[in-house]
PDB file of N, CA and C in Angstrom:
ATOM      1  N   MET A   1     107.339  67.708  70.789  1.00  0.00           N
ATOM      2  CA  MET A   1     107.497  66.459  70.069  1.00  0.00           C
ATOM      3  C   MET A   1     106.236  65.599  70.174  1.00  0.00           C
ATOM      4  N   ALA A   2     105.645  65.549  71.369  1.00  0.00           N
ATOM      5  CA  ALA A   2     104.431  64.740  71.548  1.00  0.00           C
ATOM      6  C   ALA A   2     103.282  65.286  70.726  1.00  0.00           C
ATOM      7  N   SER A   3     103.216  66.612  70.624  1.00  0.00           N
ATOM      8  CA  SER A   3     102.117  67.189  69.851  1.00  0.00           C
ATOM      9  C   SER A   3     102.285  66.902  68.365  1.00  0.00           C
ATOM     10  N   THR A   4     103.500  66.977  67.874  1.00  0.00           N
ATOM     11  CA  THR A   4     103.753  66.676  66.466  1.00  0.00           C
ATOM     12  C   THR A   4     103.476  65.205  66.181  1.00  0.00           C
ATOM     13  N   SER A   5     103.904  64.335  67.081  1.00  0.00           N
ATOM     14  CA  SER A   5     103.669  62.899  66.904  1.00  0.00           C
ATOM     15  C   SER A   5     102.181  62.573  66.889  1.00  0.00           C
ATOM     16  N   THR A   6     101.421  63.242  67.735  1.00  0.00           N
ATOM     17  CA  THR A   6      99.993  62.979  67.800  1.00  0.00           C
ATOM     18  C   THR A   6      99.291  63.449  66.535  1.00  0.00           C
ATOM     19  N   ALA A   7      99.538  64.692  66.138  1.00  0.00           N
ATOM     20  CA  ALA A   7      98.864  65.244  64.959  1.00  0.00           C
ATOM     21  C   ALA A   7      99.276  64.499  63.688  1.00  0.00           C
ATOM     22  N   LEU A   8     100.564  64.341  63.476  1.00  0.00           N
ATOM     23  CA  LEU A   8     101.046  63.670  62.270  1.00  0.00           C
ATOM     24  C   LEU A   8     100.709  62.183  62.284  1.00  0.00           C
ATOM     25  N   GLY A   9     100.829  61.554  63.446  1.00  0.00           N
ATOM     26  CA  GLY A   9     100.511  60.137  63.558  1.00  0.00           C
ATOM     27  C   GLY A   9      99.059  59.836  63.254  1.00  0.00           C
ATOM     28  N   THR A  10      98.159  60.725  63.657  1.00  0.00           N
ATOM     29  CA  THR A  10      96.736  60.528  63.370  1.00  0.00           C
ATOM     30  C   THR A  10      96.474  60.601  61.869  1.00  0.00           C
ATOM     31  N   VAL A  11      97.055  61.581  61.214  1.00  0.00           N
ATOM     32  CA  VAL A  11      96.848  61.730  59.765  1.00  0.00           C
ATOM     33  C   VAL A  11      97.455  60.554  59.012  1.00  0.00           C
ATOM     34  N   LEU A  12      98.669  60.161  59.370  1.00  0.00           N
ATOM     35  CA  LEU A  12      99.313  59.035  58.678  1.00  0.00           C
ATOM     36  C   LEU A  12      98.576  57.721  58.929  1.00  0.00           C
ATOM     37  N   ALA A  13      98.087  57.539  60.142  1.00  0.00           N
ATOM     38  CA  ALA A  13      97.310  56.329  60.438  1.00  0.00           C
ATOM     39  C   ALA A  13      96.008  56.312  59.639  1.00  0.00           C
ATOM     40  N   ALA A  14      95.379  57.470  59.477  1.00  0.00           N
ATOM     41  CA  ALA A  14      94.148  57.543  58.676  1.00  0.00           C
ATOM     42  C   ALA A  14      94.425  57.185  57.224  1.00  0.00           C
ATOM     43  N   ILE A  15      95.529  57.669  56.693  1.00  0.00           N
ATOM     44  CA  ILE A  15      95.891  57.354  55.311  1.00  0.00           C
ATOM     45  C   ILE A  15      96.153  55.854  55.162  1.00  0.00           C
ATOM     46  N   ALA A  16      96.889  55.290  56.114  1.00  0.00           N
ATOM     47  CA  ALA A  16      97.202  53.857  56.052  1.00  0.00           C
ATOM     48  C   ALA A  16      95.942  53.004  56.181  1.00  0.00           C
ATOM     49  N   LEU A  17      95.071  53.357  57.115  1.00  0.00           N
ATOM     50  CA  LEU A  17      93.839  52.579  57.291  1.00  0.00           C
ATOM     51  C   LEU A  17      92.941  52.659  56.072  1.00  0.00           C
ATOM     52  N   LYS A  18      92.886  53.828  55.461  1.00  0.00           N
ATOM     53  CA  LYS A  18      92.049  53.977  54.273  1.00  0.00           C
ATOM     54  C   LYS A  18      92.552  53.074  53.143  1.00  0.00           C
ATOM     55  N   ALA A  19      93.871  52.907  53.064  1.00  0.00           N
ATOM     56  CA  ALA A  19      94.443  52.051  52.025  1.00  0.00           C
ATOM     57  C   ALA A  19      94.281  50.561  52.361  1.00  0.00           C
ATOM     58  N   LEU A  20      94.271  50.223  53.644  1.00  0.00           N
ATOM     59  CA  LEU A  20      94.239  48.818  54.052  1.00  0.00           C
ATOM     60  C   LEU A  20      92.844  48.241  54.227  1.00  0.00           C
ATOM     61  N   LEU A  21      91.913  49.045  54.681  1.00  0.00           N
ATOM     62  CA  LEU A  21      90.574  48.535  54.968  1.00  0.00           C
ATOM     63  C   LEU A  21      89.715  48.478  53.716  1.00  0.00           C
ATOM     64  N   ASP A  22      88.909  47.434  53.634  1.00  0.00           N
ATOM     65  CA  ASP A  22      87.983  47.290  52.517  1.00  0.00           C
ATOM     66  C   ASP A  22      86.571  47.536  53.039  1.00  0.00           C
ATOM     67  N   ARG A  23      85.900  48.536  52.502  1.00  0.00           N
ATOM     68  CA  ARG A  23      84.550  48.874  52.948  1.00  0.00           C
ATOM     69  C   ARG A  23      83.530  48.309  51.978  1.00  0.00           C
ATOM     70  N   PRO A  24      82.468  47.756  52.483  1.00  0.00           N
ATOM     71  CA  PRO A  24      81.419  47.257  51.577  1.00  0.00           C
ATOM     72  C   PRO A  24      80.636  48.414  50.956  1.00  0.00           C
ATOM     73  N   THR A  25      80.184  48.217  49.752  1.00  0.00           N
ATOM     74  CA  THR A  25      79.330  49.200  49.107  1.00  0.00           C
ATOM     75  C   THR A  25      77.919  49.006  49.638  1.00  0.00           C
ATOM     76  N   LEU A  26      77.355  50.046  50.201  1.00  0.00           N
ATOM     77  CA  LEU A  26      76.013  49.932  50.755  1.00  0.00           C
ATOM     78  C   LEU A  26      74.999  50.399  49.714  1.00  0.00           C
ATOM     79  N   LEU A  27      74.584  51.627  49.803  1.00  0.00           N
ATOM     80  CA  LEU A  27      73.583  52.151  48.883  1.00  0.00           C
ATOM     81  C   LEU A  27      74.189  52.977  47.762  1.00  0.00           C
ATOM     82  N   ASP A  28      75.422  53.310  47.907  1.00  0.00           N
ATOM     83  CA  ASP A  28      76.069  54.148  46.902  1.00  0.00           C
ATOM     84  C   ASP A  28      77.344  53.473  46.408  1.00  0.00           C
ATOM     85  N   ASN A  29      77.898  53.980  45.363  1.00  0.00           N
ATOM     86  CA  ASN A  29      79.150  53.450  44.825  1.00  0.00           C
ATOM     87  C   ASN A  29      80.330  54.337  45.206  1.00  0.00           C
ATOM     88  N   ALA A  30      80.276  54.883  46.405  1.00  0.00           N
ATOM     89  CA  ALA A  30      81.332  55.782  46.862  1.00  0.00           C
ATOM     90  C   ALA A  30      82.622  55.006  47.117  1.00  0.00           C
ATOM     91  N   ALA A  31      83.708  55.726  47.021  1.00  0.00           N
ATOM     92  CA  ALA A  31      85.017  55.127  47.281  1.00  0.00           C
ATOM     93  C   ALA A  31      85.173  54.868  48.778  1.00  0.00           C
ATOM     94  N   ASN A  32      86.179  54.090  49.121  1.00  0.00           N
ATOM     95  CA  ASN A  32      86.463  53.812  50.514  1.00  0.00           C
ATOM     96  C   ASN A  32      86.743  55.117  51.244  1.00  0.00           C
ATOM     97  N   SER A  33      86.053  55.323  52.337  1.00  0.00           N
ATOM     98  CA  SER A  33      86.180  56.602  53.026  1.00  0.00           C
ATOM     99  C   SER A  33      86.419  56.458  54.526  1.00  0.00           C
ATOM    100  N   LEU A  34      86.783  55.271  54.976  1.00  0.00           N
ATOM    101  CA  LEU A  34      87.018  55.062  56.408  1.00  0.00           C
ATOM    102  C   LEU A  34      88.504  55.044  56.688  1.00  0.00           C
ATOM    103  N   PRO A  35      88.983  55.859  57.568  1.00  0.00           N
ATOM    104  CA  PRO A  35      88.370  56.971  58.277  1.00  0.00           C
ATOM    105  C   PRO A  35      88.463  58.255  57.475  1.00  0.00           C
ATOM    106  N   SER A  36      87.753  59.262  57.907  1.00  0.00           N
ATOM    107  CA  SER A  36      87.781  60.563  57.237  1.00  0.00           C
ATOM    108  C   SER A  36      89.117  61.254  57.497  1.00  0.00           C
ATOM    109  N   GLY A  37      89.818  61.581  56.452  1.00  0.00           N
ATOM    110  CA  GLY A  37      91.093  62.286  56.600  1.00  0.00           C
ATOM    111  C   GLY A  37      90.923  63.698  57.124  1.00  0.00           C
ATOM    112  N   HIS A  38      89.845  64.358  56.705  1.00  0.00           N
ATOM    113  CA  HIS A  38      89.593  65.724  57.174  1.00  0.00           C
ATOM    114  C   HIS A  38      89.341  65.746  58.678  1.00  0.00           C
ATOM    115  N   VAL A  39      88.477  64.865  59.129  1.00  0.00           N
ATOM    116  CA  VAL A  39      88.174  64.812  60.560  1.00  0.00           C
ATOM    117  C   VAL A  39      89.388  64.325  61.339  1.00  0.00           C
ATOM    118  N   ALA A  40      90.141  63.389  60.784  1.00  0.00           N
ATOM    119  CA  ALA A  40      91.344  62.891  61.453  1.00  0.00           C
ATOM    120  C   ALA A  40      92.354  64.015  61.659  1.00  0.00           C
ATOM    121  N   ALA A  41      92.519  64.883  60.667  1.00  0.00           N
ATOM    122  CA  ALA A  41      93.465  65.990  60.796  1.00  0.00           C
ATOM    123  C   ALA A  41      93.047  66.943  61.913  1.00  0.00           C
ATOM    124  N   VAL A  42      91.785  67.310  61.928  1.00  0.00           N
ATOM    125  CA  VAL A  42      91.297  68.230  62.969  1.00  0.00           C
ATOM    126  C   VAL A  42      91.364  67.561  64.341  1.00  0.00           C
ATOM    127  N   ALA A  43      90.959  66.304  64.414  1.00  0.00           N
ATOM    128  CA  ALA A  43      90.982  65.582  65.690  1.00  0.00           C
ATOM    129  C   ALA A  43      92.414  65.379  66.192  1.00  0.00           C
ATOM    130  N   GLY A  44      93.339  65.103  65.284  1.00  0.00           N
ATOM    131  CA  GLY A  44      94.737  64.936  65.678  1.00  0.00           C
ATOM    132  C   GLY A  44      95.328  66.213  66.238  1.00  0.00           C
ATOM    133  N   VAL A  45      95.042  67.335  65.593  1.00  0.00           N
ATOM    134  CA  VAL A  45      95.536  68.624  66.094  1.00  0.00           C
ATOM    135  C   VAL A  45      94.874  68.952  67.435  1.00  0.00           C
ATOM    136  N   ALA A  46      93.567  68.723  67.547  1.00  0.00           N
ATOM    137  CA  ALA A  46      92.861  68.996  68.798  1.00  0.00           C
ATOM    138  C   ALA A  46      93.429  68.153  69.943  1.00  0.00           C
ATOM    139  N   ALA A  47      93.685  66.886  69.679  1.00  0.00           N
ATOM    140  CA  ALA A  47      94.249  66.015  70.708  1.00  0.00           C
ATOM    141  C   ALA A  47      95.662  66.447  71.077  1.00  0.00           C
ATOM    142  N   ALA A  48      96.443  66.840  70.072  1.00  0.00           N
ATOM    143  CA  ALA A  48      97.819  67.270  70.329  1.00  0.00           C
ATOM    144  C   ALA A  48      97.858  68.526  71.188  1.00  0.00           C
ATOM    145  N   VAL A  49      97.016  69.480  70.862  1.00  0.00           N
ATOM    146  CA  VAL A  49      96.985  70.723  71.636  1.00  0.00           C
ATOM    147  C   VAL A  49      96.514  70.443  73.060  1.00  0.00           C
ATOM    148  N   THR A  50      95.555  69.565  73.208  1.00  0.00           N
ATOM    149  CA  THR A  50      95.075  69.209  74.547  1.00  0.00           C
ATOM    150  C   THR A  50      96.178  68.549  75.366  1.00  0.00           C
ATOM    151  N   LEU A  51      96.981  67.698  74.729  1.00  0.00           N
ATOM    152  CA  LEU A  51      98.069  67.021  75.449  1.00  0.00           C
ATOM    153  C   LEU A  51      99.116  67.986  75.993  1.00  0.00           C
ATOM    154  N   VAL A  52      99.407  69.041  75.263  1.00  0.00           N
ATOM    155  CA  VAL A  52     100.483  69.941  75.680  1.00  0.00           C
ATOM    156  C   VAL A  52      99.988  71.136  76.491  1.00  0.00           C
ATOM    157  N   THR A  53      98.690  71.223  76.698  1.00  0.00           N
ATOM    158  CA  THR A  53      98.133  72.328  77.469  1.00  0.00           C
ATOM    159  C   THR A  53      98.301  72.054  78.963  1.00  0.00           C
ATOM    160  N   SER A  54      98.590  73.101  79.718  1.00  0.00           N
ATOM    161  CA  SER A  54      98.725  72.942  81.161  1.00  0.00           C
ATOM    162  C   SER A  54      97.377  72.567  81.780  1.00  0.00           C
ATOM    163  N   PRO A  55      97.391  71.992  82.969  1.00  0.00           N
ATOM    164  CA  PRO A  55      96.154  71.458  83.551  1.00  0.00           C
ATOM    165  C   PRO A  55      95.015  72.471  83.736  1.00  0.00           C
ATOM    166  N   ALA A  56      95.311  73.690  84.062  1.00  0.00           N
ATOM    167  CA  ALA A  56      94.238  74.649  84.349  1.00  0.00           C
ATOM    168  C   ALA A  56      93.295  74.878  83.159  1.00  0.00           C
ATOM    169  N   PRO A  57      93.802  75.211  81.970  1.00  0.00           N
ATOM    170  CA  PRO A  57      92.887  75.451  80.845  1.00  0.00           C
ATOM    171  C   PRO A  57      92.590  74.210  79.999  1.00  0.00           C
ATOM    172  N   ARG A  58      93.051  73.040  80.427  1.00  0.00           N
ATOM    173  CA  ARG A  58      92.945  71.842  79.591  1.00  0.00           C
ATOM    174  C   ARG A  58      91.499  71.487  79.243  1.00  0.00           C
ATOM    175  N   LEU A  59      90.584  71.617  80.182  1.00  0.00           N
ATOM    176  CA  LEU A  59      89.186  71.281  79.893  1.00  0.00           C
ATOM    177  C   LEU A  59      88.624  72.209  78.815  1.00  0.00           C
ATOM    178  N   PHE A  60      88.911  73.495  78.921  1.00  0.00           N
ATOM    179  CA  PHE A  60      88.436  74.445  77.917  1.00  0.00           C
ATOM    180  C   PHE A  60      89.023  74.123  76.544  1.00  0.00           C
ATOM    181  N   VAL A  61      90.304  73.816  76.500  1.00  0.00           N
ATOM    182  CA  VAL A  61      90.968  73.478  75.234  1.00  0.00           C
ATOM    183  C   VAL A  61      90.379  72.196  74.653  1.00  0.00           C
ATOM    184  N   ALA A  62      90.144  71.215  75.507  1.00  0.00           N
ATOM    185  CA  ALA A  62      89.577  69.948  75.033  1.00  0.00           C
ATOM    186  C   ALA A  62      88.165  70.149  74.480  1.00  0.00           C
ATOM    187  N   LEU A  63      87.360  70.942  75.164  1.00  0.00           N
ATOM    188  CA  LEU A  63      85.999  71.202  74.685  1.00  0.00           C
ATOM    189  C   LEU A  63      85.998  72.006  73.383  1.00  0.00           C
ATOM    190  N   THR A  64      86.925  72.929  73.262  1.00  0.00           N
ATOM    191  CA  THR A  64      87.064  73.685  72.015  1.00  0.00           C
ATOM    192  C   THR A  64      87.469  72.758  70.874  1.00  0.00           C
ATOM    193  N   GLY A  65      88.407  71.865  71.136  1.00  0.00           N
ATOM    194  CA  GLY A  65      88.823  70.892  70.126  1.00  0.00           C
ATOM    195  C   GLY A  65      87.693  69.953  69.757  1.00  0.00           C
ATOM    196  N   LEU A  66      86.943  69.519  70.747  1.00  0.00           N
ATOM    197  CA  LEU A  66      85.798  68.645  70.499  1.00  0.00           C
ATOM    198  C   LEU A  66      84.759  69.342  69.623  1.00  0.00           C
ATOM    199  N   THR A  67      84.555  70.618  69.866  1.00  0.00           N
ATOM    200  CA  THR A  67      83.627  71.398  69.037  1.00  0.00           C
ATOM    201  C   THR A  67      84.116  71.476  67.598  1.00  0.00           C
ATOM    202  N   ALA A  68      85.413  71.703  67.420  1.00  0.00           N
ATOM    203  CA  ALA A  68      85.976  71.769  66.067  1.00  0.00           C
ATOM    204  C   ALA A  68      85.846  70.442  65.349  1.00  0.00           C
ATOM    205  N   VAL A  69      86.082  69.341  66.065  1.00  0.00           N
ATOM    206  CA  VAL A  69      85.948  68.011  65.466  1.00  0.00           C
ATOM    207  C   VAL A  69      84.494  67.752  65.090  1.00  0.00           C
ATOM    208  N   ALA A  70      83.584  68.099  65.982  1.00  0.00           N
ATOM    209  CA  ALA A  70      82.157  67.888  65.708  1.00  0.00           C
ATOM    210  C   ALA A  70      81.699  68.700  64.500  1.00  0.00           C
ATOM    211  N   LEU A  71      82.119  69.959  64.416  1.00  0.00           N
ATOM    212  CA  LEU A  71      81.737  70.790  63.272  1.00  0.00           C
ATOM    213  C   LEU A  71      82.315  70.257  61.961  1.00  0.00           C
ATOM    214  N   THR A  72      83.549  69.785  62.008  1.00  0.00           N
ATOM    215  CA  THR A  72      84.154  69.197  60.819  1.00  0.00           C
ATOM    216  C   THR A  72      83.414  67.932  60.414  1.00  0.00           C
ATOM    217  N   GLY A  73      83.068  67.123  61.399  1.00  0.00           N
ATOM    218  CA  GLY A  73      82.319  65.900  61.112  1.00  0.00           C
ATOM    219  C   GLY A  73      80.952  66.185  60.519  1.00  0.00           C
ATOM    220  N   VAL A  74      80.251  67.144  61.081  1.00  0.00           N
ATOM    221  CA  VAL A  74      78.931  67.520  60.555  1.00  0.00           C
ATOM    222  C   VAL A  74      79.059  68.056  59.135  1.00  0.00           C
ATOM    223  N   ALA A  75      80.092  68.832  58.876  1.00  0.00           N
ATOM    224  CA  ALA A  75      80.287  69.384  57.531  1.00  0.00           C
ATOM    225  C   ALA A  75      80.551  68.280  56.515  1.00  0.00           C
ATOM    226  N   THR A  76      81.386  67.302  56.874  1.00  0.00           N
ATOM    227  CA  THR A  76      81.671  66.227  55.922  1.00  0.00           C
ATOM    228  C   THR A  76      80.433  65.365  55.675  1.00  0.00           C
ATOM    229  N   LEU A  77      79.603  65.223  56.707  1.00  0.00           N
ATOM    230  CA  LEU A  77      78.348  64.478  56.527  1.00  0.00           C
ATOM    231  C   LEU A  77      77.359  65.270  55.676  1.00  0.00           C
ATOM    232  N   ALA A  78      77.255  66.565  55.922  1.00  0.00           N
ATOM    233  CA  ALA A  78      76.320  67.400  55.171  1.00  0.00           C
ATOM    234  C   ALA A  78      76.689  67.462  53.689  1.00  0.00           C
ATOM    235  N   LEU A  79      77.995  67.447  53.415  1.00  0.00           N
ATOM    236  CA  LEU A  79      78.454  67.472  52.021  1.00  0.00           C
ATOM    237  C   LEU A  79      78.432  66.090  51.381  1.00  0.00           C
ATOM    238  N   ARG A  80      78.066  65.090  52.169  1.00  0.00           N
ATOM    239  CA  ARG A  80      77.992  63.694  51.730  1.00  0.00           C
ATOM    240  C   ARG A  80      79.343  63.140  51.278  1.00  0.00           C
ATOM    241  N   TRP A  81      80.387  63.621  51.924  1.00  0.00           N
ATOM    242  CA  TRP A  81      81.718  63.098  51.651  1.00  0.00           C
ATOM    243  C   TRP A  81      81.966  61.816  52.419  1.00  0.00           C
ATOM    244  N   HIS A  82      81.303  61.676  53.572  1.00  0.00           N
ATOM    245  CA  HIS A  82      81.576  60.547  54.458  1.00  0.00           C
ATOM    246  C   HIS A  82      80.305  60.025  55.090  1.00  0.00           C
ATOM    247  N   ARG A  83      80.428  58.799  55.589  1.00  0.00           N
ATOM    248  CA  ARG A  83      79.381  58.178  56.391  1.00  0.00           C
ATOM    249  C   ARG A  83      79.652  58.533  57.864  1.00  0.00           C
ATOM    250  N   PRO A  84      78.623  58.418  58.709  1.00  0.00           N
ATOM    251  CA  PRO A  84      78.860  58.697  60.134  1.00  0.00           C
ATOM    252  C   PRO A  84      79.974  57.831  60.745  1.00  0.00           C
ATOM    253  N   SER A  85      80.068  56.596  60.317  1.00  0.00           N
ATOM    254  CA  SER A  85      81.115  55.723  60.857  1.00  0.00           C
ATOM    255  C   SER A  85      82.513  56.233  60.511  1.00  0.00           C
ATOM    256  N   ASP A  86      82.674  56.896  59.379  1.00  0.00           N
ATOM    257  CA  ASP A  86      83.972  57.456  58.995  1.00  0.00           C
ATOM    258  C   ASP A  86      84.407  58.542  59.970  1.00  0.00           C
ATOM    259  N   VAL A  87      83.447  59.380  60.349  1.00  0.00           N
ATOM    260  CA  VAL A  87      83.715  60.480  61.268  1.00  0.00           C
ATOM    261  C   VAL A  87      84.054  59.931  62.660  1.00  0.00           C
ATOM    262  N   ILE A  88      83.265  58.990  63.126  1.00  0.00           N
ATOM    263  CA  ILE A  88      83.491  58.405  64.451  1.00  0.00           C
ATOM    264  C   ILE A  88      84.832  57.667  64.482  1.00  0.00           C
ATOM    265  N   ALA A  89      85.149  56.943  63.427  1.00  0.00           N
ATOM    266  CA  ALA A  89      86.425  56.218  63.366  1.00  0.00           C
ATOM    267  C   ALA A  89      87.607  57.179  63.435  1.00  0.00           C
ATOM    268  N   SER A  90      87.489  58.325  62.803  1.00  0.00           N
ATOM    269  CA  SER A  90      88.574  59.311  62.842  1.00  0.00           C
ATOM    270  C   SER A  90      88.777  59.860  64.242  1.00  0.00           C
ATOM    271  N   ALA A  91      87.684  60.127  64.939  1.00  0.00           N
ATOM    272  CA  ALA A  91      87.786  60.630  66.307  1.00  0.00           C
ATOM    273  C   ALA A  91      88.411  59.578  67.222  1.00  0.00           C
ATOM    274  N   ILE A  92      87.993  58.339  67.076  1.00  0.00           N
ATOM    275  CA  ILE A  92      88.549  57.253  67.892  1.00  0.00           C
ATOM    276  C   ILE A  92      90.028  57.055  67.566  1.00  0.00           C
ATOM    277  N   LEU A  93      90.383  57.166  66.302  1.00  0.00           N
ATOM    278  CA  LEU A  93      91.777  57.038  65.886  1.00  0.00           C
ATOM    279  C   LEU A  93      92.638  58.112  66.548  1.00  0.00           C
ATOM    280  N   ALA A  94      92.164  59.349  66.550  1.00  0.00           N
ATOM    281  CA  ALA A  94      92.927  60.438  67.169  1.00  0.00           C
ATOM    282  C   ALA A  94      93.091  60.210  68.668  1.00  0.00           C
ATOM    283  N   ILE A  95      92.045  59.727  69.320  1.00  0.00           N
ATOM    284  CA  ILE A  95      92.133  59.439  70.756  1.00  0.00           C
ATOM    285  C   ILE A  95      93.153  58.330  71.004  1.00  0.00           C
ATOM    286  N   GLY A  96      93.133  57.304  70.169  1.00  0.00           N
ATOM    287  CA  GLY A  96      94.088  56.205  70.318  1.00  0.00           C
ATOM    288  C   GLY A  96      95.525  56.637  70.104  1.00  0.00           C
ATOM    289  N   VAL A  97      95.765  57.430  69.068  1.00  0.00           N
ATOM    290  CA  VAL A  97      97.128  57.914  68.807  1.00  0.00           C
ATOM    291  C   VAL A  97      97.584  58.829  69.935  1.00  0.00           C
ATOM    292  N   ALA A  98      96.702  59.691  70.409  1.00  0.00           N
ATOM    293  CA  ALA A  98      97.058  60.582  71.526  1.00  0.00           C
ATOM    294  C   ALA A  98      97.371  59.782  72.788  1.00  0.00           C
ATOM    295  N   ALA A  99      96.595  58.738  73.051  1.00  0.00           N
ATOM    296  CA  ALA A  99      96.845  57.907  74.227  1.00  0.00           C
ATOM    297  C   ALA A  99      98.190  57.193  74.113  1.00  0.00           C
ATOM    298  N   MET A 100      98.490  56.667  72.938  1.00  0.00           N
ATOM    299  CA  MET A 100      99.779  55.994  72.743  1.00  0.00           C
ATOM    300  C   MET A 100     100.940  56.974  72.886  1.00  0.00           C
ATOM    301  N   THR A 101     100.791  58.160  72.322  1.00  0.00           N
ATOM    302  CA  THR A 101     101.833  59.179  72.441  1.00  0.00           C
ATOM    303  C   THR A 101     102.048  59.553  73.900  1.00  0.00           C
ATOM    304  N   HIS A 102     100.959  59.747  74.623  1.00  0.00           N
ATOM    305  CA  HIS A 102     101.044  60.118  76.034  1.00  0.00           C
ATOM    306  C   HIS A 102     101.705  59.010  76.852  1.00  0.00           C
ATOM    307  N   MET A 103     101.334  57.773  76.588  1.00  0.00           N
ATOM    308  CA  MET A 103     101.925  56.649  77.323  1.00  0.00           C
ATOM    309  C   MET A 103     103.428  56.514  77.017  1.00  0.00           C
ATOM    310  N   MET A 104     103.826  56.720  75.784  1.00  0.00           N
ATOM    311  CA  MET A 104     105.241  56.655  75.442  1.00  0.00           C
ATOM    312  C   MET A 104     106.012  57.785  76.117  1.00  0.00           C
ATOM    313  N   ARG A 105     105.396  58.961  76.178  1.00  0.00           N
ATOM    314  CA  ARG A 105     106.049  60.094  76.837  1.00  0.00           C
ATOM    315  C   ARG A 105     106.205  59.825  78.329  1.00  0.00           C
ATOM    316  N   LEU A 106     105.168  59.268  78.974  1.00  0.00           N
ATOM    317  CA  LEU A 106     105.260  58.925  80.394  1.00  0.00           C
ATOM    318  C   LEU A 106     106.300  57.836  80.640  1.00  0.00           C
ATOM    319  N   SER A 107     106.334  56.844  79.778  1.00  0.00           N
ATOM    320  CA  SER A 107     107.298  55.758  79.914  1.00  0.00           C
ATOM    321  C   SER A 107     108.728  56.280  79.813  1.00  0.00           C
ATOM    322  N   THR A 108     108.956  57.165  78.872  1.00  0.00           N
ATOM    323  CA  THR A 108     110.286  57.757  78.715  1.00  0.00           C
ATOM    324  C   THR A 108     110.652  58.582  79.936  1.00  0.00           C
ATOM    325  N   ALA A 109     109.719  59.357  80.448  1.00  0.00           N
ATOM    326  CA  ALA A 109     109.984  60.174  81.632  1.00  0.00           C
ATOM    327  C   ALA A 109     110.277  59.308  82.851  1.00  0.00           C
ATOM    328  N   LEU A 110     109.554  58.197  82.999  1.00  0.00           N
ATOM    329  CA  LEU A 110     109.803  57.301  84.129  1.00  0.00           C
ATOM    330  C   LEU A 110     111.165  56.633  84.024  1.00  0.00           C
ATOM    331  N   ARG A 111     111.542  56.245  82.813  1.00  0.00           N
ATOM    332  CA  ARG A 111     112.864  55.620  82.637  1.00  0.00           C
ATOM    333  C   ARG A 111     113.979  56.608  82.950  1.00  0.00           C
ATOM    334  N   ARG A 112     113.804  57.857  82.571  1.00  0.00           N
ATOM    335  CA  ARG A 112     114.830  58.870  82.856  1.00  0.00           C
ATOM    336  C   ARG A 112     114.900  59.187  84.342  1.00  0.00           C
ATOM    337  N   ALA A 113     113.770  59.121  85.032  1.00  0.00           N
ATOM    338  CA  ALA A 113     113.737  59.444  86.452  1.00  0.00           C
ATOM    339  C   ALA A 113     114.190  58.293  87.332  1.00  0.00           C
ATOM    340  N   ALA A 114     114.189  57.078  86.810  1.00  0.00           N
ATOM    341  CA  ALA A 114     114.570  55.912  87.608  1.00  0.00           C
ATOM    342  C   ALA A 114     116.062  55.961  87.921  1.00  0.00           C
ATOM    343  N   PRO A 115     116.415  55.609  89.147  1.00  0.00           N
ATOM    344  CA  PRO A 115     117.840  55.604  89.490  1.00  0.00           C
ATOM    345  C   PRO A 115     118.568  54.485  88.760  1.00  0.00           C
ATOM    346  N   GLU A 116     119.825  54.727  88.497  1.00  0.00           N
ATOM    347  CA  GLU A 116     120.651  53.727  87.835  1.00  0.00           C
ATOM    348  C   GLU A 116     120.895  52.564  88.792  1.00  0.00           C
ATOM    349  N   PRO A 117     120.866  51.334  88.285  1.00  0.00           N
ATOM    350  CA  PRO A 117     121.148  50.186  89.161  1.00  0.00           C
ATOM    351  C   PRO A 117     122.610  50.196  89.572  1.00  0.00           C
ATOM    352  N   HIS A 118     122.881  49.828  90.828  1.00  0.00           N
ATOM    353  CA  HIS A 118     124.251  49.821  91.347  1.00  0.00           C
ATOM    354  C   HIS A 118     124.721  48.402  91.584  1.00  0.00           C
ATOM    355  N   GLY A 119     124.777  47.639  90.506  1.00  0.00           N
ATOM    356  CA  GLY A 119     125.229  46.246  90.620  1.00  0.00           C
ATOM    357  C   GLY A 119     126.733  46.183  90.585  1.00  0.00           C
ATOM    358  N   GLY A 120     127.267  45.047  90.951  1.00  0.00           N
ATOM    359  CA  GLY A 120     128.722  44.874  90.958  1.00  0.00           C
ATOM    360  C   GLY A 120     129.286  44.474  89.608  1.00  0.00           C
ATOM    361  N   SER A 121     128.452  44.186  88.626  1.00  0.00           N
ATOM    362  CA  SER A 121     128.968  43.668  87.372  1.00  0.00           C
ATOM    363  C   SER A 121     129.689  44.713  86.549  1.00  0.00           C
ATOM    364  N   ASP A 122     129.402  45.989  86.751  1.00  0.00           N
ATOM    365  CA  ASP A 122     130.063  47.006  85.929  1.00  0.00           C
ATOM    366  C   ASP A 122     131.262  47.646  86.645  1.00  0.00           C
ATOM    367  N   ARG A 123     131.582  47.147  87.813  1.00  0.00           N
ATOM    368  CA  ARG A 123     132.726  47.678  88.544  1.00  0.00           C
ATOM    369  C   ARG A 123     133.999  46.895  88.222  1.00  0.00           C
ATOM    370  N   VAL A 124     135.065  47.614  88.213  1.00  0.00           N
ATOM    371  CA  VAL A 124     136.361  46.972  87.989  1.00  0.00           C
ATOM    372  C   VAL A 124     137.062  46.868  89.338  1.00  0.00           C
ATOM    373  N   GLY A 125     137.579  45.692  89.612  1.00  0.00           N
ATOM    374  CA  GLY A 125     138.404  45.545  90.709  1.00  0.00           C
ATOM    375  C   GLY A 125     138.045  45.102  91.987  1.00  0.00           C
TER     376      GLY A 125
END
């Protein structure tokens, strides 16, 4: 569930931000491109897989995901689909969504592990 929330949440957040943010026209008349949806999708999947990986191979998985994100970012820049800020914003967005997903998962686990309060208000008699 956390992996699906991270990957899908990153893509949906990228779509929403692209619709909400207004980017100034610099040297070209390109459409609003912040954040990059392509990079957001790859970064969201990379973050999701890293979150669900066991601790031993996690560094390798994270570095592999980082490589995939970097290659996707370089490709979108080389094709002139995006500005560098679009690529960086997508990576930061994926990290933020992954962090929020992880914190919600930890919060839920802590609430489930906490003992039930034994107050007198719910007792009869």
